[in-house]
Amino acid sequence: MAVSRRTFLGSAAAASAWGALSLAGAPDVSAAASPPGDVVGKITVGYQGWFACAGDGAPINGWWHWSQDWSRTPSPANNVIKAWPDMREYTRTYPTAYGNLGNGQPATLFSSYDQQTVDTHFRWMQQYGCDTAALQRFNPNSSEGPTRDAMAAKVRSAAEAYGRKFYIMYDATGWANMQTEMKADWSAKMSAHTASPAYARQNGKPVVCIWGFGYNDANHPWDANTCLDVVNWFKAQGCYVIGGVPREWRTSDGGSRPGFGGVYRSFDMISPWMVGAVGDVAGSDWTYQNLTVPDQADCTAHGIDYQPCVLPGDVSARQRAHGDFMWRQFYNMVRAGVQGIYISMFDEYGEGNQIAKTAENAAMTPAGSGLFALDEDGTACSSDYYLRLTADGGRMLKGQLPLTAVRPTPPIPTTGGSTDLARGRTATDSSHTQNYSAGNAVDGNADTYWESANNAFPQWLQVDLGGPAMVTRIVLAVPPSSAWGTRTQTLTVSGSNDGTAFDTIVPATGYGFDPVRGNSVTISIPPTARRFLRLTCTGNTGWPAAQIARLEVYG
């Protein structure tokens, strides 16, 4: 099992006192060493992609990163995660040995090896303004290697489909022969992915990150010359190289080995790691004054781009403060003038630092599991809250929102409240069968439905909201009767303000309607002001026509 990075950082973090807090005024925004690209001026998310389940077809053939013993089904006694994912948008799930969720539904988990899982994650990245994904790649010369190779291809496919960028982020932790093997892996395997139009480039060069040089522990034992050789080798291959480094990289003390200044300043971009080192608002402010501001000045002086970490906080350690902790970090990073931001992490359910959709409350976690949900501090949060928070942080980084210390993102979307904006509105369609017309989808009756002409895809269903409305989610359903078996409909969401010119809001995605979940799906979208919303259906595994019983729209 790959070891969590936090394992090696906790002791160093505990040894560093926060000191007295005395905030200086915000500095002038520093001139970036590089122009905007796929990492400069962008939100990058760390993507593990390392969850597997027995029976999913992955070469690793086990419950990879879901349980302590990967050969046995995850259970309260065989658990390694700190948070439970929101499972409502995954079409293929795997039963566990946990008790049922609080709402009575079975406790199932996803596999990263399923392309639909990766597609779902990259669709969220697209919807919530995550520009680039850094695919974590630990030592591939082990039993994990074939699965990691396959994940790189799946990430590439998803990034291409959803207009996101990705790059390889090597993690050297515990990789004894990394000096030769990392180069060989890039040459023989990973460099091929740079041919993808979705592979991240900065300054015209393919991006590679190396995490773990300079850490002062036994799992990162190399001397400075060894590490510098690897950095220079990647640069000689024409790469733009990011360094995932200790937070004390500039001063070469604490968690950093001495004598690594030349290694750190050989990178094109510096990205200090903060998980396990900061856990509250006061710590973020201390970091701003004592690390971020002088780090940025050092990078500017040496022509290096700066990409510090922002983390949502460990939900199990109750660090999140319903988003205040994460927003304070966004505020501090943006006012320091950083060149980019790295989110730690997208899907790290093991450390509880994930921004991906997570159980909202006890109804969505296994009963008796002891796992916390997002409402752990008593504040209700939507499962996508930290994705929405990331979207707003990204807008502030890009100057699309003014710099503000006040968190603008509500834990529960409030615009439009719980009112269904489509109820009773005018609905039209491309076609319908018999009396199964468009109006049935917005009449509030779960048993009446719209059905298009059969065997004639694509077909569309459209609702006129009466005027532009800020929309954040759409709820769709087919009749809840168990007679309506599981089906997947491939749907595109588009919008318009004049009813003529439509733009795509959510690209074509397969949505699973399952009687166990009430035959209902929720599509979360970035806040979008549109008068007309249109669903275009290009396939239905349960019937050769489009079928919708409920089309609900919320702000």
Protein backbone atom coordinates (compact mmCIF):
# COMPACT_ATOMS: atom_id res chain seq x y z
CA MET A 1 0.00 0.00 0.00
CA ALA A 2 1.30 3.46 -0.88
CA VAL A 3 1.90 5.43 2.29
CA SER A 4 -0.02 8.62 2.96
CA ARG A 5 2.04 11.76 2.69
CA ARG A 6 0.63 12.93 6.00
CA THR A 7 2.51 10.10 7.73
CA PHE A 8 5.77 11.92 7.15
CA LEU A 9 4.60 15.47 7.81
CA GLY A 10 2.71 15.29 11.06
CA SER A 11 5.76 15.26 13.32
CA ALA A 12 7.40 18.17 11.52
CA ALA A 13 4.18 20.14 11.66
CA ALA A 14 3.76 19.50 15.36
CA ALA A 15 7.28 20.68 16.03
CA SER A 16 6.66 24.07 14.43
CA ALA A 17 4.99 26.58 16.72
CA TRP A 18 2.51 28.94 15.11
CA GLY A 19 3.93 31.89 17.01
CA ALA A 20 2.27 35.21 17.57
CA LEU A 21 -0.17 36.28 14.88
CA SER A 22 0.39 39.77 13.50
CA LEU A 23 -0.87 40.17 9.95
CA ALA A 24 0.94 42.51 7.62
CA GLY A 25 -0.92 44.37 4.94
CA ALA A 26 -1.47 42.64 1.64
CA PRO A 27 1.54 42.94 -0.65
CA ASP A 28 1.47 44.16 -4.20
CA VAL A 29 0.57 41.38 -6.61
CA SER A 30 3.83 39.92 -7.88
CA ALA A 31 4.64 39.70 -11.54
CA ALA A 32 4.38 36.09 -12.67
CA ALA A 33 7.56 34.47 -13.93
CA SER A 34 5.47 32.85 -16.68
CA PRO A 35 2.40 33.95 -18.63
CA PRO A 36 -0.96 32.24 -18.09
CA GLY A 37 -0.96 28.64 -19.24
CA ASP A 38 -2.33 25.34 -17.98
CA VAL A 39 -0.94 25.78 -14.44
CA VAL A 40 -0.12 29.49 -14.16
CA GLY A 41 -3.33 31.38 -13.46
CA LYS A 42 -5.20 28.11 -12.99
CA ILE A 43 -6.75 25.87 -10.33
CA THR A 44 -5.03 22.47 -10.28
CA VAL A 45 -6.47 19.58 -8.28
CA GLY A 46 -4.50 16.60 -7.03
CA TYR A 47 -6.20 13.47 -8.40
CA GLN A 48 -5.48 10.11 -6.79
CA GLY A 49 -7.60 7.85 -9.00
CA TRP A 50 -6.50 4.97 -6.79
CA PHE A 51 -9.71 3.29 -5.62
CA ALA A 52 -10.51 -0.22 -6.81
CA CYS A 53 -13.07 -2.84 -5.85
CA ALA A 54 -13.14 -6.62 -6.04
CA GLY A 55 -14.79 -7.60 -9.30
CA ASP A 56 -14.13 -4.36 -11.19
CA GLY A 57 -11.60 -5.95 -13.58
CA ALA A 58 -8.61 -3.94 -12.31
CA PRO A 59 -5.30 -5.86 -12.40
CA ILE A 60 -4.75 -5.13 -8.73
CA ASN A 61 -7.82 -7.31 -7.97
CA GLY A 62 -8.80 -5.98 -4.57
CA TRP A 63 -10.26 -3.14 -2.52
CA TRP A 64 -7.39 -0.77 -3.30
CA HIS A 65 -7.38 2.13 -0.81
CA TRP A 66 -10.90 1.40 0.43
CA SER A 67 -9.83 -1.01 3.18
CA GLN A 68 -6.82 -1.78 5.34
CA ASP A 69 -6.65 -5.31 3.99
CA TRP A 70 -7.33 -5.00 0.27
CA SER A 71 -8.19 -8.70 -0.02
CA ARG A 72 -11.22 -8.31 2.26
CA THR A 73 -14.41 -6.33 1.74
CA PRO A 74 -14.43 -2.91 3.43
CA SER A 75 -16.23 -2.85 6.78
CA PRO A 76 -16.06 -0.90 10.04
CA ALA A 77 -13.37 -3.35 11.16
CA ASN A 78 -11.48 -3.14 7.85
CA ASN A 79 -11.60 0.56 7.15
CA VAL A 80 -8.99 3.05 5.95
CA ILE A 81 -11.14 6.01 4.85
CA LYS A 82 -12.28 9.03 6.84
CA ALA A 83 -15.21 10.20 4.71
CA TRP A 84 -17.92 8.51 2.65
CA PRO A 85 -18.53 9.58 -0.94
CA ASP A 86 -21.88 10.76 -2.26
CA MET A 87 -22.67 7.76 -4.47
CA ARG A 88 -25.73 9.08 -6.30
CA GLU A 89 -24.09 9.80 -9.66
CA TYR A 90 -22.14 6.57 -10.16
CA THR A 91 -23.80 4.04 -12.47
CA ARG A 92 -21.70 1.07 -11.32
CA THR A 93 -21.19 0.49 -7.62
CA TYR A 94 -19.88 -2.34 -5.43
CA PRO A 95 -21.45 -3.74 -2.25
CA THR A 96 -19.49 -3.53 1.00
CA ALA A 97 -19.75 -5.14 4.43
CA TYR A 98 -20.80 -1.89 6.08
CA GLY A 99 -24.33 -1.60 7.40
CA ASN A 100 -26.90 0.18 5.27
CA LEU A 101 -26.76 3.94 4.99
CA GLY A 102 -28.81 5.94 7.44
CA ASN A 103 -31.50 6.27 4.77
CA GLY A 104 -31.73 2.48 4.46
CA GLN A 105 -29.96 2.17 1.12
CA PRO A 106 -27.07 -0.29 0.68
CA ALA A 107 -23.57 1.02 1.43
CA THR A 108 -21.77 0.78 -1.90
CA LEU A 109 -18.53 2.27 -3.21
CA PHE A 110 -17.14 3.26 -6.61
CA SER A 111 -14.10 2.00 -8.47
CA SER A 112 -11.72 4.43 -10.13
CA TYR A 113 -11.06 1.66 -12.65
CA ASP A 114 -14.52 2.20 -14.17
CA GLN A 115 -14.30 4.82 -16.89
CA GLN A 116 -17.69 6.21 -15.83
CA THR A 117 -16.23 7.03 -12.41
CA VAL A 118 -13.35 9.01 -13.91
CA ASP A 119 -15.72 10.64 -16.38
CA THR A 120 -17.98 11.68 -13.50
CA HIS A 121 -15.05 13.24 -11.64
CA PHE A 122 -13.84 15.15 -14.69
CA ARG A 123 -17.37 16.31 -15.43
CA TRP A 124 -17.42 17.76 -11.92
CA MET A 125 -14.07 19.41 -12.61
CA GLN A 126 -15.56 20.99 -15.71
CA GLN A 127 -18.72 22.10 -13.92
CA TYR A 128 -16.88 23.60 -10.94
CA GLY A 129 -13.95 25.35 -12.59
CA CYS A 130 -11.13 22.90 -11.82
CA ASP A 131 -8.84 23.60 -14.77
CA THR A 132 -6.15 20.94 -14.45
CA ALA A 133 -5.75 17.57 -12.74
CA ALA A 134 -2.41 16.32 -11.43
CA LEU A 135 -2.55 12.53 -11.64
CA GLN A 136 -0.60 11.04 -8.73
CA ARG A 137 1.86 8.38 -9.82
CA PHE A 138 3.67 6.46 -7.11
CA ASN A 139 6.34 3.83 -7.84
CA PRO A 140 4.80 1.83 -10.71
CA ASN A 141 7.33 -1.01 -10.45
CA SER A 142 5.13 -3.10 -8.18
CA SER A 143 1.81 -4.95 -8.24
CA GLU A 144 0.12 -1.55 -8.48
CA GLY A 145 1.88 -0.70 -11.75
CA PRO A 146 -0.56 -2.16 -14.32
CA THR A 147 -3.52 -0.53 -12.59
CA ARG A 148 -1.73 2.82 -12.42
CA ASP A 149 -0.88 2.55 -16.11
CA ALA A 150 -4.53 1.93 -16.92
CA MET A 151 -5.60 4.88 -14.78
CA ALA A 152 -3.36 7.23 -16.76
CA ALA A 153 -5.20 6.22 -19.94
CA LYS A 154 -8.60 6.63 -18.27
CA VAL A 155 -7.68 10.08 -16.99
CA ARG A 156 -6.49 11.08 -20.45
CA SER A 157 -9.79 9.95 -21.97
CA ALA A 158 -11.85 11.85 -19.41
CA ALA A 159 -9.75 15.02 -19.71
CA GLU A 160 -10.18 14.98 -23.47
CA ALA A 161 -13.94 14.41 -23.17
CA TYR A 162 -14.55 17.20 -20.66
CA GLY A 163 -12.09 19.83 -21.81
CA ARG A 164 -9.79 19.59 -18.78
CA LYS A 165 -6.00 19.44 -18.68
CA PHE A 166 -3.94 16.81 -16.85
CA TYR A 167 -0.31 16.08 -16.07
CA ILE A 168 1.73 13.36 -14.38
CA MET A 169 2.73 14.04 -10.79
CA TYR A 170 5.37 11.59 -9.65
CA ASP A 171 5.41 10.88 -5.92
CA ALA A 172 8.88 9.67 -4.92
CA THR A 173 7.80 8.54 -1.44
CA GLY A 174 9.38 5.18 -0.64
CA TRP A 175 10.69 4.77 -4.21
CA ALA A 176 14.18 3.40 -3.55
CA ASN A 177 15.41 3.36 -7.17
CA MET A 178 13.57 6.44 -8.32
CA GLN A 179 16.61 8.11 -9.95
CA THR A 180 16.73 5.58 -12.77
CA GLU A 181 13.19 4.19 -12.67
CA MET A 182 11.38 7.51 -12.82
CA LYS A 183 13.28 8.46 -15.96
CA ALA A 184 12.61 5.04 -17.49
CA ASP A 185 8.91 5.25 -16.69
CA TRP A 186 8.61 8.65 -18.33
CA SER A 187 10.55 7.56 -21.42
CA ALA A 188 8.78 4.23 -21.91
CA LYS A 189 5.24 5.03 -20.80
CA MET A 190 4.09 8.39 -19.48
CA SER A 191 5.68 10.69 -22.08
CA ALA A 192 3.31 9.18 -24.67
CA HIS A 193 0.42 11.00 -23.02
CA THR A 194 1.92 14.36 -23.93
CA ALA A 195 0.55 13.73 -27.44
CA SER A 196 -2.92 14.35 -26.06
CA PRO A 197 -4.39 17.82 -26.61
CA ALA A 198 -5.50 17.57 -22.99
CA TYR A 199 -1.98 17.16 -21.60
CA ALA A 200 -1.07 20.28 -19.62
CA ARG A 201 1.50 22.64 -21.05
CA GLN A 202 3.12 25.69 -19.57
CA ASN A 203 5.38 27.98 -21.59
CA GLY A 204 4.84 25.54 -24.46
CA LYS A 205 6.32 22.63 -22.48
CA PRO A 206 4.62 19.50 -21.12
CA VAL A 207 4.17 19.73 -17.36
CA VAL A 208 5.61 17.16 -14.94
CA CYS A 209 5.59 17.41 -11.16
CA ILE A 210 7.95 15.57 -8.81
CA TRP A 211 6.75 15.39 -5.21
CA GLY A 212 9.06 14.44 -2.36
CA PHE A 213 12.51 15.92 -2.90
CA GLY A 214 14.15 17.45 0.17
CA TYR A 215 11.89 15.94 2.84
CA ASN A 216 13.80 15.17 6.00
CA ASP A 217 12.66 11.59 6.64
CA ALA A 218 13.65 8.03 5.82
CA ASN A 219 11.16 7.69 2.98
CA HIS A 220 12.88 10.47 1.01
CA PRO A 221 16.56 9.58 1.57
CA TRP A 222 18.27 10.99 -1.53
CA ASP A 223 20.97 13.61 -1.44
CA ALA A 224 20.73 16.92 -3.27
CA ASN A 225 22.89 15.85 -6.22
CA THR A 226 20.67 12.83 -6.92
CA CYS A 227 17.53 14.95 -6.87
CA LEU A 228 19.07 17.70 -8.98
CA ASP A 229 20.07 15.11 -11.57
CA VAL A 230 16.44 14.01 -11.93
CA VAL A 231 15.09 17.56 -12.19
CA ASN A 232 17.66 18.49 -14.80
CA TRP A 233 16.96 15.30 -16.75
CA PHE A 234 13.26 16.16 -17.06
CA LYS A 235 14.11 19.70 -18.07
CA ALA A 236 16.43 18.29 -20.73
CA GLN A 237 13.46 16.34 -22.08
CA GLY A 238 11.77 19.68 -22.66
CA CYS A 239 9.47 19.54 -19.63
CA TYR A 240 8.23 22.31 -17.35
CA VAL A 241 8.97 20.81 -13.93
CA ILE A 242 7.03 21.50 -10.73
CA GLY A 243 8.46 20.60 -7.33
CA GLY A 244 6.20 19.36 -4.56
CA VAL A 245 8.40 20.41 -1.66
CA PRO A 246 8.38 20.81 2.15
CA ARG A 247 6.79 23.98 3.45
CA GLU A 248 10.19 25.02 4.86
CA TRP A 249 11.86 24.78 1.44
CA ARG A 250 13.03 28.41 1.50
CA THR A 251 14.68 28.23 4.94
CA SER A 252 15.89 24.61 4.65
CA ASP A 253 14.95 23.75 8.22
CA GLY A 254 12.10 21.93 9.97
CA GLY A 255 10.78 19.33 7.56
CA SER A 256 13.40 20.14 4.91
CA ARG A 257 16.83 18.61 4.58
CA PRO A 258 19.63 21.19 4.65
CA GLY A 259 21.55 21.93 1.48
CA PHE A 260 18.63 21.56 -0.93
CA GLY A 261 18.33 25.22 -1.93
CA GLY A 262 19.84 24.52 -5.35
CA VAL A 263 17.38 21.68 -5.96
CA TYR A 264 14.36 23.76 -4.99
CA ARG A 265 15.40 26.69 -7.15
CA SER A 266 16.01 24.43 -10.15
CA PHE A 267 12.26 23.85 -10.48
CA ASP A 268 10.15 25.94 -12.86
CA MET A 269 7.38 26.08 -10.23
CA ILE A 270 7.42 25.51 -6.47
CA SER A 271 4.42 23.91 -4.73
CA PRO A 272 4.86 23.58 -0.94
CA TRP A 273 2.81 20.85 0.76
CA MET A 274 0.54 21.87 3.65
CA VAL A 275 -1.60 18.84 4.52
CA GLY A 276 -0.90 17.98 8.15
CA ALA A 277 0.82 21.33 8.69
CA VAL A 278 -2.13 23.75 8.80
CA GLY A 279 -5.60 23.05 10.13
CA ASP A 280 -7.42 26.25 11.06
CA VAL A 281 -7.94 29.89 10.11
CA ALA A 282 -5.26 31.14 12.52
CA GLY A 283 -2.78 28.70 11.01
CA SER A 284 -3.63 29.94 7.54
CA ASP A 285 -2.97 33.53 8.59
CA TRP A 286 0.34 32.55 10.19
CA THR A 287 1.29 30.76 6.98
CA TYR A 288 0.40 33.83 4.91
CA GLN A 289 2.73 36.09 6.88
CA ASN A 290 5.59 33.70 7.61
CA LEU A 291 5.63 31.45 4.55
CA THR A 292 3.48 32.57 1.63
CA VAL A 293 4.56 36.21 1.36
CA PRO A 294 8.32 35.58 1.71
CA ASP A 295 8.04 32.45 -0.45
CA GLN A 296 6.43 34.47 -3.22
CA ALA A 297 9.14 37.12 -2.95
CA ASP A 298 11.85 34.46 -3.20
CA CYS A 299 10.21 32.85 -6.22
CA THR A 300 9.81 36.21 -7.94
CA ALA A 301 13.46 37.04 -7.31
CA HIS A 302 14.53 33.74 -8.90
CA GLY A 303 12.07 33.71 -11.81
CA ILE A 304 10.13 30.75 -10.42
CA ASP A 305 6.35 30.34 -10.49
CA TYR A 306 4.63 29.72 -7.16
CA GLN A 307 1.73 27.28 -6.65
CA PRO A 308 0.91 26.84 -2.95
CA CYS A 309 -1.63 24.33 -1.62
CA VAL A 310 -5.17 25.04 -0.51
CA LEU A 311 -6.93 22.26 1.36
CA PRO A 312 -10.54 21.87 2.51
CA GLY A 313 -9.44 20.34 5.82
CA ASP A 314 -9.71 16.87 7.28
CA VAL A 315 -13.41 16.29 7.89
CA SER A 316 -12.64 13.69 10.58
CA ALA A 317 -10.46 16.20 12.49
CA ARG A 318 -13.24 18.78 12.17
CA GLN A 319 -10.95 21.30 10.52
CA ARG A 320 -13.33 22.50 7.85
CA ALA A 321 -15.42 25.04 9.80
CA HIS A 322 -18.10 24.70 7.08
CA GLY A 323 -15.79 26.23 4.48
CA ASP A 324 -14.31 29.13 6.44
CA PHE A 325 -10.93 27.40 6.72
CA MET A 326 -10.67 26.76 2.99
CA TRP A 327 -11.88 30.23 2.01
CA ARG A 328 -9.33 31.89 4.30
CA GLN A 329 -6.60 30.04 2.45
CA PHE A 330 -7.96 31.17 -0.92
CA TYR A 331 -8.06 34.74 0.34
CA ASN A 332 -4.52 34.61 1.70
CA MET A 333 -3.09 33.03 -1.45
CA VAL A 334 -4.78 35.43 -3.83
CA ARG A 335 -3.81 38.54 -1.84
CA ALA A 336 -0.21 37.29 -1.84
CA GLY A 337 -0.26 37.30 -5.66
CA VAL A 338 0.46 33.61 -6.22
CA GLN A 339 0.73 32.27 -9.77
CA GLY A 340 -1.49 29.24 -9.32
CA ILE A 341 -3.25 27.19 -6.66
CA TYR A 342 -3.04 23.44 -6.02
CA ILE A 343 -6.03 21.85 -4.28
CA SER A 344 -5.08 19.05 -1.88
CA MET A 345 -6.96 16.92 -2.90
CA PHE A 346 -9.84 16.10 -5.26
CA ASP A 347 -10.63 12.52 -4.20
CA GLU A 348 -8.61 11.87 -1.03
CA TYR A 349 -11.30 10.09 1.01
CA GLY A 350 -8.52 8.30 2.89
CA GLU A 351 -7.19 11.47 4.53
CA GLY A 352 -10.61 13.17 4.58
CA ASN A 353 -9.26 16.11 2.54
CA GLN A 354 -11.41 15.57 -0.56
CA ILE A 355 -13.41 18.25 -2.37
CA ALA A 356 -15.29 15.65 -4.45
CA LYS A 357 -18.93 15.09 -3.56
CA THR A 358 -19.22 13.71 -0.04
CA ALA A 359 -22.01 12.46 2.22
CA GLU A 360 -24.03 15.41 3.48
CA ASN A 361 -25.31 13.88 6.73
CA ALA A 362 -25.88 10.64 8.62
CA ALA A 363 -28.55 9.58 6.11
CA MET A 364 -25.77 9.20 3.53
CA THR A 365 -23.16 7.38 5.66
CA PRO A 366 -23.19 3.74 6.82
CA ALA A 367 -24.98 3.39 10.12
CA GLY A 368 -22.60 2.72 12.99
CA SER A 369 -19.49 3.34 10.89
CA GLY A 370 -18.30 6.37 12.86
CA LEU A 371 -17.57 8.23 9.61
CA PHE A 372 -18.29 11.95 9.65
CA ALA A 373 -20.41 13.71 7.03
CA LEU A 374 -20.07 17.31 5.88
CA ASP A 375 -22.47 18.51 8.58
CA GLU A 376 -20.04 17.37 11.32
CA ASP A 377 -20.00 20.84 12.95
CA GLY A 378 -23.79 21.20 12.88
CA THR A 379 -23.93 23.23 9.64
CA ALA A 380 -25.75 21.54 6.77
CA CYS A 381 -23.66 21.45 3.58
CA SER A 382 -24.56 20.20 0.12
CA SER A 383 -22.45 17.30 -1.11
CA ASP A 384 -20.88 19.57 -3.76
CA TYR A 385 -20.15 22.42 -1.34
CA TYR A 386 -16.34 22.18 -1.53
CA LEU A 387 -16.49 21.97 -5.30
CA ARG A 388 -18.58 25.15 -5.33
CA LEU A 389 -16.14 26.76 -2.91
CA THR A 390 -13.28 25.79 -5.22
CA ALA A 391 -15.12 27.32 -8.17
CA ASP A 392 -15.45 30.63 -6.32
CA GLY A 393 -11.82 30.51 -5.17
CA GLY A 394 -10.79 30.00 -8.77
CA ARG A 395 -12.85 32.98 -9.87
CA MET A 396 -11.14 35.13 -7.25
CA LEU A 397 -7.70 33.91 -8.42
CA LYS A 398 -8.60 34.87 -11.99
CA GLY A 399 -10.01 38.29 -11.05
CA GLN A 400 -13.57 37.30 -11.85
CA LEU A 401 -14.55 37.88 -8.22
CA PRO A 402 -13.14 40.74 -6.13
CA LEU A 403 -10.64 39.87 -3.41
CA THR A 404 -12.65 39.27 -0.25
CA ALA A 405 -12.05 37.71 3.13
CA VAL A 406 -15.77 37.02 3.41
CA ARG A 407 -16.72 33.61 2.06
CA PRO A 408 -19.24 34.18 -0.75
CA THR A 409 -20.27 30.54 -1.09
CA PRO A 410 -23.24 29.33 0.99
CA PRO A 411 -22.99 25.77 2.37
CA ILE A 412 -26.42 25.13 0.84
CA PRO A 413 -27.30 26.92 -2.43
CA THR A 414 -29.78 29.62 -1.46
CA THR A 415 -30.73 31.42 -4.68
CA GLY A 416 -34.21 30.18 -5.49
CA GLY A 417 -34.34 28.18 -2.26
CA SER A 418 -36.17 24.89 -2.46
CA THR A 419 -38.67 26.14 -5.05
CA ASP A 420 -38.91 24.13 -8.25
CA LEU A 421 -38.57 26.84 -10.87
CA ALA A 422 -39.91 24.57 -13.63
CA ARG A 423 -43.14 23.51 -11.92
CA GLY A 424 -46.11 24.46 -14.07
CA ARG A 425 -43.99 26.32 -16.64
CA THR A 426 -44.36 25.94 -20.39
CA ALA A 427 -42.61 22.81 -21.62
CA THR A 428 -42.07 21.78 -25.22
CA ASP A 429 -40.45 18.81 -26.95
CA SER A 430 -39.03 17.57 -30.20
CA SER A 431 -41.72 14.86 -30.30
CA HIS A 432 -43.90 12.77 -28.01
CA THR A 433 -45.77 9.49 -28.10
CA GLN A 434 -49.57 9.42 -27.66
CA ASN A 435 -50.48 11.59 -24.66
CA TYR A 436 -47.00 11.43 -23.06
CA SER A 437 -46.35 15.09 -23.76
CA ALA A 438 -43.78 17.56 -22.40
CA GLY A 439 -46.17 19.05 -19.85
CA ASN A 440 -46.16 15.79 -17.91
CA ALA A 441 -42.55 16.43 -16.88
CA VAL A 442 -43.37 19.68 -15.06
CA ASP A 443 -46.81 18.90 -13.59
CA GLY A 444 -45.50 17.74 -10.20
CA ASN A 445 -46.93 14.25 -10.65
CA ALA A 446 -44.22 11.60 -10.36
CA ASP A 447 -46.28 9.01 -12.22
CA THR A 448 -46.99 10.97 -15.41
CA TYR A 449 -44.14 11.29 -17.87
CA TRP A 450 -42.91 12.59 -21.20
CA GLU A 451 -41.88 10.02 -23.77
CA SER A 452 -40.46 10.93 -27.15
CA ALA A 453 -41.05 9.20 -30.45
CA ASN A 454 -39.50 5.73 -30.38
CA ASN A 455 -36.35 4.74 -32.27
CA ALA A 456 -35.63 8.32 -33.31
CA PHE A 457 -32.73 9.69 -31.22
CA PRO A 458 -31.77 12.42 -30.55
CA GLN A 459 -34.84 13.94 -28.85
CA TRP A 460 -35.20 16.95 -26.58
CA LEU A 461 -37.37 18.30 -23.77
CA GLN A 462 -37.36 22.03 -22.99
CA VAL A 463 -38.77 24.26 -20.24
CA ASP A 464 -39.29 28.03 -20.31
CA LEU A 465 -38.64 29.43 -16.81
CA GLY A 466 -40.40 32.69 -17.74
CA GLY A 467 -37.23 34.78 -17.45
CA PRO A 468 -33.51 34.34 -16.76
CA ALA A 469 -32.98 32.47 -13.48
CA MET A 470 -29.78 31.53 -11.68
CA VAL A 471 -29.80 27.74 -11.87
CA THR A 472 -27.51 25.47 -9.83
CA ARG A 473 -29.08 22.01 -10.09
CA ILE A 474 -31.59 19.97 -12.05
CA VAL A 475 -33.45 16.96 -10.67
CA LEU A 476 -34.68 14.35 -13.14
CA ALA A 477 -36.70 11.19 -12.59
CA VAL A 478 -38.65 8.49 -14.31
CA PRO A 479 -41.71 7.03 -12.50
CA PRO A 480 -40.68 5.59 -9.12
CA SER A 481 -42.51 2.30 -9.61
CA SER A 482 -40.26 -0.74 -9.42
CA ALA A 483 -41.77 -1.78 -12.74
CA TRP A 484 -39.45 0.82 -14.23
CA GLY A 485 -36.20 -1.10 -14.16
CA THR A 486 -32.71 0.39 -13.99
CA ARG A 487 -31.79 2.37 -17.09
CA THR A 488 -29.15 4.84 -18.22
CA GLN A 489 -30.13 7.83 -20.32
CA THR A 490 -27.47 9.86 -22.09
CA LEU A 491 -28.36 13.52 -21.67
CA THR A 492 -26.92 16.91 -22.56
CA VAL A 493 -28.04 20.04 -20.71
CA SER A 494 -28.08 23.27 -22.72
CA GLY A 495 -29.46 26.72 -22.06
CA SER A 496 -30.63 29.86 -23.82
CA ASN A 497 -32.05 33.25 -23.03
CA ASP A 498 -33.90 33.70 -26.33
CA GLY A 499 -35.08 30.15 -27.03
CA THR A 500 -33.08 30.01 -30.26
CA ALA A 501 -29.34 30.09 -29.57
CA PHE A 502 -28.43 27.35 -27.07
CA ASP A 503 -25.06 26.72 -25.46
CA THR A 504 -23.96 23.52 -23.71
CA ILE A 505 -24.02 23.71 -19.92
CA VAL A 506 -23.34 20.03 -19.17
CA PRO A 507 -22.01 17.84 -22.02
CA ALA A 508 -23.46 14.45 -22.89
CA THR A 509 -23.31 12.20 -19.84
CA GLY A 510 -24.89 8.87 -18.97
CA TYR A 511 -27.19 9.15 -15.94
CA GLY A 512 -28.34 6.01 -14.15
CA PHE A 513 -31.99 5.84 -13.02
CA ASP A 514 -32.23 3.12 -10.39
CA PRO A 515 -35.43 2.10 -8.53
CA VAL A 516 -33.32 1.59 -5.40
CA ARG A 517 -32.60 5.33 -5.47
CA GLY A 518 -36.12 6.37 -6.42
CA ASN A 519 -35.31 6.47 -10.15
CA SER A 520 -34.01 10.00 -9.61
CA VAL A 521 -30.76 11.78 -10.49
CA THR A 522 -29.42 15.22 -9.63
CA ILE A 523 -27.30 17.21 -12.04
CA SER A 524 -25.28 19.95 -10.31
CA ILE A 525 -24.16 22.82 -12.50
CA PRO A 526 -22.20 26.02 -11.92
CA PRO A 527 -24.56 28.94 -11.18
CA THR A 528 -25.98 29.66 -14.64
CA ALA A 529 -28.50 32.34 -15.59
CA ARG A 530 -30.79 30.99 -18.34
CA ARG A 531 -34.45 31.36 -19.25
CA PHE A 532 -34.71 28.20 -21.35
CA LEU A 533 -33.25 24.85 -20.36
CA ARG A 534 -33.13 21.92 -22.75
CA LEU A 535 -32.38 18.25 -22.18
CA THR A 536 -31.20 16.39 -25.28
CA CYS A 537 -31.32 12.61 -25.07
CA THR A 538 -29.22 10.46 -27.38
CA GLY A 539 -29.78 7.07 -25.78
CA ASN A 540 -31.77 5.08 -23.21
CA THR A 541 -30.77 1.56 -22.20
CA GLY A 542 -34.27 0.82 -20.88
CA TRP A 543 -36.44 1.88 -23.83
CA PRO A 544 -35.79 3.20 -27.36
CA ALA A 545 -37.03 6.67 -26.48
CA ALA A 546 -36.35 9.55 -24.09
CA GLN A 547 -38.39 9.36 -20.86
CA ILE A 548 -38.69 11.97 -18.10
CA ALA A 549 -41.39 12.08 -15.40
CA ARG A 550 -39.92 14.94 -13.37
CA LEU A 551 -37.91 17.86 -14.67
CA GLU A 552 -37.22 20.05 -11.63
CA VAL A 553 -35.01 23.12 -11.71
CA TYR A 554 -33.53 24.83 -8.64
CA GLY A 555 -31.48 27.93 -8.03
